Amino acid sequence: MQMNARILSLMTVVGFVACQQAPKADKAAVTDAQAVTIPEGSKTHQLDTAASILFWIGTKPTGEHKGSFRFSGGELYTKDSSLTGGHFSININSIANLDLSSQPDMKKKLEDELRGENFFDAAKYPVARFEITEVSPYHPAPDDNGVLLKDATHMIKGNLTIKNATKNITFPAKVVFTGGKVKGEANFNIDRTQWGMTYRADKSLQDKLINSVVNIHFEIVTH
């Protein structure tokens, strides 16, 4: 009985931790930075920073936090109604927590911690940048479950620079052309330690652990 109780207790702990992992989403493939070129003959569309937003979810064994960033600028390039490239800048100081509105002191403490040296070090690196290096249409095979993002249309590759680290990431996206505007959406998971943010990522920390995998969901639209 005592052994069964211990096994049950262990399973309960494991189950609790497992349910606090990053949301289920496509995993962004990460490689070394790639060359960036501006496609010839492309039309430029300015990012509508007021209508565009990036959401994030960070998790730990005892819960999760949700938040957002605002874009400070960007452009998308198209040719013959096809996306050919682009870039955006993310205002790190715009980071906002979205789940602690009823606890303003805790909300400010978390936002300040994320802006601090252990995470984004916003005082030194106030801008993160994403530059598209390759765009390809996404066509799932008939017998393939495909990617998790619903109605994905493209695979996007681009250099993501956070702090002083640049890595090329690949993820599925839904890109739509409507009324002269370009709209894009993506939802994927990345490992923050790839960009040098290793604070409390060691699993031996147990309840003090902060999961290294972070969920990113962005929605962008051009003017």
C-alpha atoms as a PDB file:
ATOM      1  CA  MET A   1       0.000   0.000   0.000  1.00  0.00           C
ATOM      2  CA  GLN A   2       2.802   2.395   0.914  1.00  0.00           C
ATOM      3  CA  MET A   3       4.573   1.728  -2.402  1.00  0.00           C
ATOM      4  CA  ASN A   4       1.332   2.247  -4.345  1.00  0.00           C
ATOM      5  CA  ALA A   5       0.768   5.535  -2.535  1.00  0.00           C
ATOM      6  CA  ARG A   6       4.250   6.711  -3.485  1.00  0.00           C
ATOM      7  CA  ILE A   7       3.714   5.765  -7.129  1.00  0.00           C
ATOM      8  CA  LEU A   8       0.360   7.562  -7.159  1.00  0.00           C
ATOM      9  CA  SER A   9       1.949  10.649  -5.600  1.00  0.00           C
ATOM     10  CA  LEU A  10       4.738  10.630  -8.180  1.00  0.00           C
ATOM     11  CA  MET A  11       2.260  10.284 -11.039  1.00  0.00           C
ATOM     12  CA  THR A  12       0.261  13.197  -9.661  1.00  0.00           C
ATOM     13  CA  VAL A  13       3.351  15.429  -9.558  1.00  0.00           C
ATOM     14  CA  VAL A  14       4.423  14.400 -13.068  1.00  0.00           C
ATOM     15  CA  GLY A  15       0.935  15.020 -14.389  1.00  0.00           C
ATOM     16  CA  PHE A  16       0.804  18.434 -12.763  1.00  0.00           C
ATOM     17  CA  VAL A  17       4.128  19.505 -14.224  1.00  0.00           C
ATOM     18  CA  ALA A  18       3.236  18.137 -17.654  1.00  0.00           C
ATOM     19  CA  CYS A  19       0.044  20.175 -17.813  1.00  0.00           C
ATOM     20  CA  GLN A  20       2.098  23.350 -17.283  1.00  0.00           C
ATOM     21  CA  GLN A  21       4.195  22.878 -20.419  1.00  0.00           C
ATOM     22  CA  ALA A  22       4.032  25.340 -23.320  1.00  0.00           C
ATOM     23  CA  PRO A  23       0.772  25.185 -25.302  1.00  0.00           C
ATOM     24  CA  LYS A  24       0.635  22.637 -28.091  1.00  0.00           C
ATOM     25  CA  ALA A  25       1.926  24.321 -31.230  1.00  0.00           C
ATOM     26  CA  ASP A  26       4.333  23.823 -34.102  1.00  0.00           C
ATOM     27  CA  LYS A  27       7.957  23.748 -32.994  1.00  0.00           C
ATOM     28  CA  ALA A  28      10.108  26.285 -34.819  1.00  0.00           C
ATOM     29  CA  ALA A  29      13.223  24.696 -36.327  1.00  0.00           C
ATOM     30  CA  VAL A  30      16.361  26.642 -35.373  1.00  0.00           C
ATOM     31  CA  THR A  31      19.575  26.897 -37.411  1.00  0.00           C
ATOM     32  CA  ASP A  32      22.406  29.377 -37.883  1.00  0.00           C
ATOM     33  CA  ALA A  33      21.634  32.829 -39.310  1.00  0.00           C
ATOM     34  CA  GLN A  34      21.167  33.037 -43.087  1.00  0.00           C
ATOM     35  CA  ALA A  35      21.801  35.763 -45.660  1.00  0.00           C
ATOM     36  CA  VAL A  36      19.005  38.313 -46.121  1.00  0.00           C
ATOM     37  CA  THR A  37      18.216  39.737 -49.561  1.00  0.00           C
ATOM     38  CA  ILE A  38      15.503  42.118 -50.763  1.00  0.00           C
ATOM     39  CA  PRO A  39      13.728  40.514 -53.744  1.00  0.00           C
ATOM     40  CA  GLU A  40      13.902  42.536 -56.954  1.00  0.00           C
ATOM     41  CA  GLY A  41      10.675  44.038 -58.258  1.00  0.00           C
ATOM     42  CA  SER A  42       8.835  43.587 -54.998  1.00  0.00           C
ATOM     43  CA  LYS A  43       6.156  45.919 -53.699  1.00  0.00           C
ATOM     44  CA  THR A  44       6.620  47.261 -50.182  1.00  0.00           C
ATOM     45  CA  HIS A  45       3.811  47.187 -47.604  1.00  0.00           C
ATOM     46  CA  GLN A  46       4.305  49.063 -44.332  1.00  0.00           C
ATOM     47  CA  LEU A  47       3.362  47.249 -41.144  1.00  0.00           C
ATOM     48  CA  ASP A  48       0.349  48.664 -39.313  1.00  0.00           C
ATOM     49  CA  THR A  49       1.876  48.712 -35.832  1.00  0.00           C
ATOM     50  CA  ALA A  50      -1.403  49.698 -34.163  1.00  0.00           C
ATOM     51  CA  ALA A  51      -3.225  46.665 -35.569  1.00  0.00           C
ATOM     52  CA  SER A  52      -0.369  44.154 -35.199  1.00  0.00           C
ATOM     53  CA  ILE A  53       0.599  42.360 -31.998  1.00  0.00           C
ATOM     54  CA  LEU A  54       2.747  39.515 -30.682  1.00  0.00           C
ATOM     55  CA  PHE A  55       1.473  37.348 -27.824  1.00  0.00           C
ATOM     56  CA  TRP A  56       3.606  35.069 -25.635  1.00  0.00           C
ATOM     57  CA  ILE A  57       2.993  32.383 -23.034  1.00  0.00           C
ATOM     58  CA  GLY A  58       5.629  31.324 -20.529  1.00  0.00           C
ATOM     59  CA  THR A  59       5.139  28.384 -18.183  1.00  0.00           C
ATOM     60  CA  LYS A  60       6.508  26.916 -14.968  1.00  0.00           C
ATOM     61  CA  PRO A  61       5.509  23.948 -12.771  1.00  0.00           C
ATOM     62  CA  THR A  62       3.228  26.150 -10.681  1.00  0.00           C
ATOM     63  CA  GLY A  63       1.432  27.939 -13.522  1.00  0.00           C
ATOM     64  CA  GLU A  64       1.818  30.178 -16.536  1.00  0.00           C
ATOM     65  CA  HIS A  65       1.903  33.818 -17.567  1.00  0.00           C
ATOM     66  CA  LYS A  66       0.551  35.379 -20.729  1.00  0.00           C
ATOM     67  CA  GLY A  67       1.644  38.632 -22.266  1.00  0.00           C
ATOM     68  CA  SER A  68       2.309  40.672 -25.361  1.00  0.00           C
ATOM     69  CA  PHE A  69       4.771  42.843 -27.259  1.00  0.00           C
ATOM     70  CA  ARG A  70       4.072  45.660 -29.708  1.00  0.00           C
ATOM     71  CA  PHE A  71       5.850  46.048 -33.032  1.00  0.00           C
ATOM     72  CA  SER A  72       7.771  49.277 -33.558  1.00  0.00           C
ATOM     73  CA  GLY A  73       7.928  48.992 -37.352  1.00  0.00           C
ATOM     74  CA  GLY A  74       8.318  46.695 -40.304  1.00  0.00           C
ATOM     75  CA  GLU A  75       7.681  45.955 -43.959  1.00  0.00           C
ATOM     76  CA  LEU A  76       6.438  43.038 -46.023  1.00  0.00           C
ATOM     77  CA  TYR A  77       7.419  42.553 -49.667  1.00  0.00           C
ATOM     78  CA  THR A  78       5.134  41.063 -52.305  1.00  0.00           C
ATOM     79  CA  LYS A  79       5.311  40.319 -56.012  1.00  0.00           C
ATOM     80  CA  ASP A  80       2.372  39.178 -58.134  1.00  0.00           C
ATOM     81  CA  SER A  81       0.252  38.616 -55.006  1.00  0.00           C
ATOM     82  CA  SER A  82       2.917  36.434 -53.414  1.00  0.00           C
ATOM     83  CA  LEU A  83       4.848  37.137 -50.227  1.00  0.00           C
ATOM     84  CA  THR A  84       8.559  37.443 -51.030  1.00  0.00           C
ATOM     85  CA  GLY A  85      10.132  38.802 -47.861  1.00  0.00           C
ATOM     86  CA  GLY A  86      10.002  41.344 -45.099  1.00  0.00           C
ATOM     87  CA  HIS A  87      11.192  42.363 -41.670  1.00  0.00           C
ATOM     88  CA  PHE A  88       9.762  43.636 -38.374  1.00  0.00           C
ATOM     89  CA  SER A  89      11.085  45.213 -35.223  1.00  0.00           C
ATOM     90  CA  ILE A  90       9.711  44.363 -31.773  1.00  0.00           C
ATOM     91  CA  ASN A  91       9.735  46.947 -28.983  1.00  0.00           C
ATOM     92  CA  ILE A  92      11.076  44.992 -25.992  1.00  0.00           C
ATOM     93  CA  ASN A  93      10.114  47.737 -23.546  1.00  0.00           C
ATOM     94  CA  SER A  94       6.492  47.298 -24.628  1.00  0.00           C
ATOM     95  CA  ILE A  95       6.328  43.902 -22.923  1.00  0.00           C
ATOM     96  CA  ALA A  96       3.069  43.596 -20.997  1.00  0.00           C
ATOM     97  CA  ASN A  97       1.624  40.905 -18.757  1.00  0.00           C
ATOM     98  CA  LEU A  98      -2.027  40.086 -19.509  1.00  0.00           C
ATOM     99  CA  ASP A  99      -3.064  37.817 -16.625  1.00  0.00           C
ATOM    100  CA  LEU A 100      -2.182  39.824 -13.495  1.00  0.00           C
ATOM    101  CA  SER A 101      -4.398  42.874 -14.019  1.00  0.00           C
ATOM    102  CA  SER A 102      -6.054  42.254 -10.646  1.00  0.00           C
ATOM    103  CA  GLN A 103      -2.611  42.249  -8.976  1.00  0.00           C
ATOM    104  CA  PRO A 104      -0.897  45.419 -10.268  1.00  0.00           C
ATOM    105  CA  ASP A 105       2.144  45.069  -7.983  1.00  0.00           C
ATOM    106  CA  MET A 106       2.802  41.514  -9.187  1.00  0.00           C
ATOM    107  CA  LYS A 107       2.181  42.578 -12.778  1.00  0.00           C
ATOM    108  CA  LYS A 108       4.777  45.353 -12.569  1.00  0.00           C
ATOM    109  CA  LYS A 109       7.258  43.077 -10.799  1.00  0.00           C
ATOM    110  CA  LEU A 110       7.008  40.450 -13.544  1.00  0.00           C
ATOM    111  CA  GLU A 111       7.273  43.012 -16.361  1.00  0.00           C
ATOM    112  CA  ASP A 112      10.320  44.610 -14.734  1.00  0.00           C
ATOM    113  CA  GLU A 113      11.932  41.181 -14.270  1.00  0.00           C
ATOM    114  CA  LEU A 114      11.392  40.289 -17.936  1.00  0.00           C
ATOM    115  CA  ARG A 115      12.893  43.615 -19.021  1.00  0.00           C
ATOM    116  CA  GLY A 116      15.876  43.002 -16.733  1.00  0.00           C
ATOM    117  CA  GLU A 117      19.280  41.440 -17.350  1.00  0.00           C
ATOM    118  CA  ASN A 118      18.143  37.878 -16.584  1.00  0.00           C
ATOM    119  CA  PHE A 119      15.824  37.915 -19.579  1.00  0.00           C
ATOM    120  CA  PHE A 120      15.621  40.517 -22.376  1.00  0.00           C
ATOM    121  CA  ASP A 121      17.942  43.156 -20.864  1.00  0.00           C
ATOM    122  CA  ALA A 122      15.830  45.875 -22.500  1.00  0.00           C
ATOM    123  CA  ALA A 123      18.084  48.709 -21.309  1.00  0.00           C
ATOM    124  CA  LYS A 124      20.901  47.302 -23.442  1.00  0.00           C
ATOM    125  CA  TYR A 125      18.870  45.601 -26.174  1.00  0.00           C
ATOM    126  CA  PRO A 126      15.599  47.556 -26.585  1.00  0.00           C
ATOM    127  CA  VAL A 127      14.692  46.046 -29.965  1.00  0.00           C
ATOM    128  CA  ALA A 128      14.334  42.476 -31.244  1.00  0.00           C
ATOM    129  CA  ARG A 129      14.263  41.942 -34.995  1.00  0.00           C
ATOM    130  CA  PHE A 130      12.919  39.362 -37.429  1.00  0.00           C
ATOM    131  CA  GLU A 131      14.112  39.323 -41.063  1.00  0.00           C
ATOM    132  CA  ILE A 132      12.608  36.895 -43.570  1.00  0.00           C
ATOM    133  CA  THR A 133      15.205  34.910 -45.509  1.00  0.00           C
ATOM    134  CA  GLU A 134      12.914  32.519 -47.426  1.00  0.00           C
ATOM    135  CA  VAL A 135       9.210  32.045 -48.135  1.00  0.00           C
ATOM    136  CA  SER A 136       7.749  28.876 -49.641  1.00  0.00           C
ATOM    137  CA  PRO A 137       4.131  27.768 -50.178  1.00  0.00           C
ATOM    138  CA  TYR A 138       2.889  25.106 -47.782  1.00  0.00           C
ATOM    139  CA  HIS A 139       1.135  22.143 -49.394  1.00  0.00           C
ATOM    140  CA  PRO A 140       0.465  19.262 -46.991  1.00  0.00           C
ATOM    141  CA  ALA A 141       0.602  15.785 -48.474  1.00  0.00           C
ATOM    142  CA  PRO A 142      -2.774  13.940 -48.602  1.00  0.00           C
ATOM    143  CA  ASP A 143      -1.601  11.342 -46.077  1.00  0.00           C
ATOM    144  CA  ASP A 144       0.210  13.875 -43.879  1.00  0.00           C
ATOM    145  CA  ASN A 145      -1.306  15.431 -40.776  1.00  0.00           C
ATOM    146  CA  GLY A 146       0.647  18.525 -41.709  1.00  0.00           C
ATOM    147  CA  VAL A 147       1.393  21.359 -39.343  1.00  0.00           C
ATOM    148  CA  LEU A 148      -0.741  22.268 -36.336  1.00  0.00           C
ATOM    149  CA  LEU A 149      -1.493  25.824 -37.475  1.00  0.00           C
ATOM    150  CA  LYS A 150      -4.966  25.780 -39.003  1.00  0.00           C
ATOM    151  CA  ASP A 151      -5.126  26.867 -42.656  1.00  0.00           C
ATOM    152  CA  ALA A 152      -1.351  27.415 -42.902  1.00  0.00           C
ATOM    153  CA  THR A 153      -0.390  28.691 -46.366  1.00  0.00           C
ATOM    154  CA  HIS A 154       3.381  29.205 -46.168  1.00  0.00           C
ATOM    155  CA  MET A 155       6.574  28.098 -44.476  1.00  0.00           C
ATOM    156  CA  ILE A 156       8.572  31.103 -43.315  1.00  0.00           C
ATOM    157  CA  LYS A 157      12.291  31.174 -42.610  1.00  0.00           C
ATOM    158  CA  GLY A 158      13.939  34.190 -41.032  1.00  0.00           C
ATOM    159  CA  ASN A 159      16.640  35.503 -38.766  1.00  0.00           C
ATOM    160  CA  LEU A 160      15.391  36.249 -35.260  1.00  0.00           C
ATOM    161  CA  THR A 161      17.679  38.542 -33.280  1.00  0.00           C
ATOM    162  CA  ILE A 162      17.134  38.796 -29.523  1.00  0.00           C
ATOM    163  CA  LYS A 163      19.754  40.559 -27.406  1.00  0.00           C
ATOM    164  CA  ASN A 164      23.077  39.847 -29.155  1.00  0.00           C
ATOM    165  CA  ALA A 165      22.122  36.461 -30.632  1.00  0.00           C
ATOM    166  CA  THR A 166      20.749  35.790 -34.126  1.00  0.00           C
ATOM    167  CA  LYS A 167      19.277  32.433 -35.160  1.00  0.00           C
ATOM    168  CA  ASN A 168      17.321  31.417 -38.245  1.00  0.00           C
ATOM    169  CA  ILE A 169      13.919  29.933 -37.424  1.00  0.00           C
ATOM    170  CA  THR A 170      11.376  28.107 -39.600  1.00  0.00           C
ATOM    171  CA  PHE A 171       7.652  28.026 -38.860  1.00  0.00           C
ATOM    172  CA  PRO A 172       4.300  27.728 -40.670  1.00  0.00           C
ATOM    173  CA  ALA A 173       2.175  30.820 -41.215  1.00  0.00           C
ATOM    174  CA  LYS A 174      -1.164  31.812 -42.641  1.00  0.00           C
ATOM    175  CA  VAL A 175      -0.789  34.674 -45.129  1.00  0.00           C
ATOM    176  CA  VAL A 176      -3.842  36.328 -46.675  1.00  0.00           C
ATOM    177  CA  PHE A 177      -4.113  39.148 -49.233  1.00  0.00           C
ATOM    178  CA  THR A 178      -7.272  41.200 -48.832  1.00  0.00           C
ATOM    179  CA  GLY A 179      -8.261  44.714 -49.832  1.00  0.00           C
ATOM    180  CA  GLY A 180      -4.706  45.637 -50.759  1.00  0.00           C
ATOM    181  CA  LYS A 181      -3.457  44.595 -47.325  1.00  0.00           C
ATOM    182  CA  VAL A 182      -1.345  41.647 -46.264  1.00  0.00           C
ATOM    183  CA  LYS A 183      -2.371  39.763 -43.126  1.00  0.00           C
ATOM    184  CA  GLY A 184      -0.225  37.151 -41.448  1.00  0.00           C
ATOM    185  CA  GLU A 185      -0.607  34.850 -38.465  1.00  0.00           C
ATOM    186  CA  ALA A 186       1.667  32.268 -36.850  1.00  0.00           C
ATOM    187  CA  ASN A 187       1.690  30.231 -33.651  1.00  0.00           C
ATOM    188  CA  PHE A 188       4.795  28.275 -32.669  1.00  0.00           C
ATOM    189  CA  ASN A 189       7.089  27.331 -29.796  1.00  0.00           C
ATOM    190  CA  ILE A 190      10.759  28.295 -29.429  1.00  0.00           C
ATOM    191  CA  ASP A 191      13.432  27.572 -26.840  1.00  0.00           C
ATOM    192  CA  ARG A 192      14.558  30.810 -25.201  1.00  0.00           C
ATOM    193  CA  THR A 193      17.942  29.345 -24.236  1.00  0.00           C
ATOM    194  CA  GLN A 194      18.897  29.382 -27.936  1.00  0.00           C
ATOM    195  CA  TRP A 195      19.142  33.167 -27.521  1.00  0.00           C
ATOM    196  CA  GLY A 196      21.137  33.029 -24.292  1.00  0.00           C
ATOM    197  CA  MET A 197      18.206  33.393 -21.885  1.00  0.00           C
ATOM    198  CA  THR A 198      19.108  30.528 -19.553  1.00  0.00           C
ATOM    199  CA  TYR A 199      17.862  31.995 -16.263  1.00  0.00           C
ATOM    200  CA  ARG A 200      16.090  29.292 -14.193  1.00  0.00           C
ATOM    201  CA  ALA A 201      15.980  26.918 -17.178  1.00  0.00           C
ATOM    202  CA  ASP A 202      17.740  24.097 -15.304  1.00  0.00           C
ATOM    203  CA  LYS A 203      15.139  21.388 -14.615  1.00  0.00           C
ATOM    204  CA  SER A 204      16.863  20.495 -11.353  1.00  0.00           C
ATOM    205  CA  LEU A 205      15.392  23.719  -9.905  1.00  0.00           C
ATOM    206  CA  GLN A 206      12.019  21.912  -9.720  1.00  0.00           C
ATOM    207  CA  ASP A 207       9.365  24.374  -8.491  1.00  0.00           C
ATOM    208  CA  LYS A 208      11.682  27.331  -9.243  1.00  0.00           C
ATOM    209  CA  LEU A 209      12.019  26.207 -12.850  1.00  0.00           C
ATOM    210  CA  ILE A 210      10.853  28.463 -15.683  1.00  0.00           C
ATOM    211  CA  ASN A 211      10.202  26.393 -18.796  1.00  0.00           C
ATOM    212  CA  SER A 212      12.706  27.117 -21.557  1.00  0.00           C
ATOM    213  CA  VAL A 213      10.053  26.607 -24.246  1.00  0.00           C
ATOM    214  CA  VAL A 214       7.947  29.712 -24.919  1.00  0.00           C
ATOM    215  CA  ASN A 215       4.853  29.993 -27.084  1.00  0.00           C
ATOM    216  CA  ILE A 216       4.751  32.783 -29.678  1.00  0.00           C
ATOM    217  CA  HIS A 217       1.574  33.839 -31.491  1.00  0.00           C
ATOM    218  CA  PHE A 218       1.649  36.901 -33.689  1.00  0.00           C
ATOM    219  CA  GLU A 219      -0.926  38.633 -35.841  1.00  0.00           C
ATOM    220  CA  ILE A 220       0.264  41.251 -38.301  1.00  0.00           C
ATOM    221  CA  VAL A 221      -1.406  43.432 -40.910  1.00  0.00           C
ATOM    222  CA  THR A 222      -0.070  46.044 -43.314  1.00  0.00           C
ATOM    223  CA  HIS A 223      -1.564  49.413 -44.253  1.00  0.00           C
END
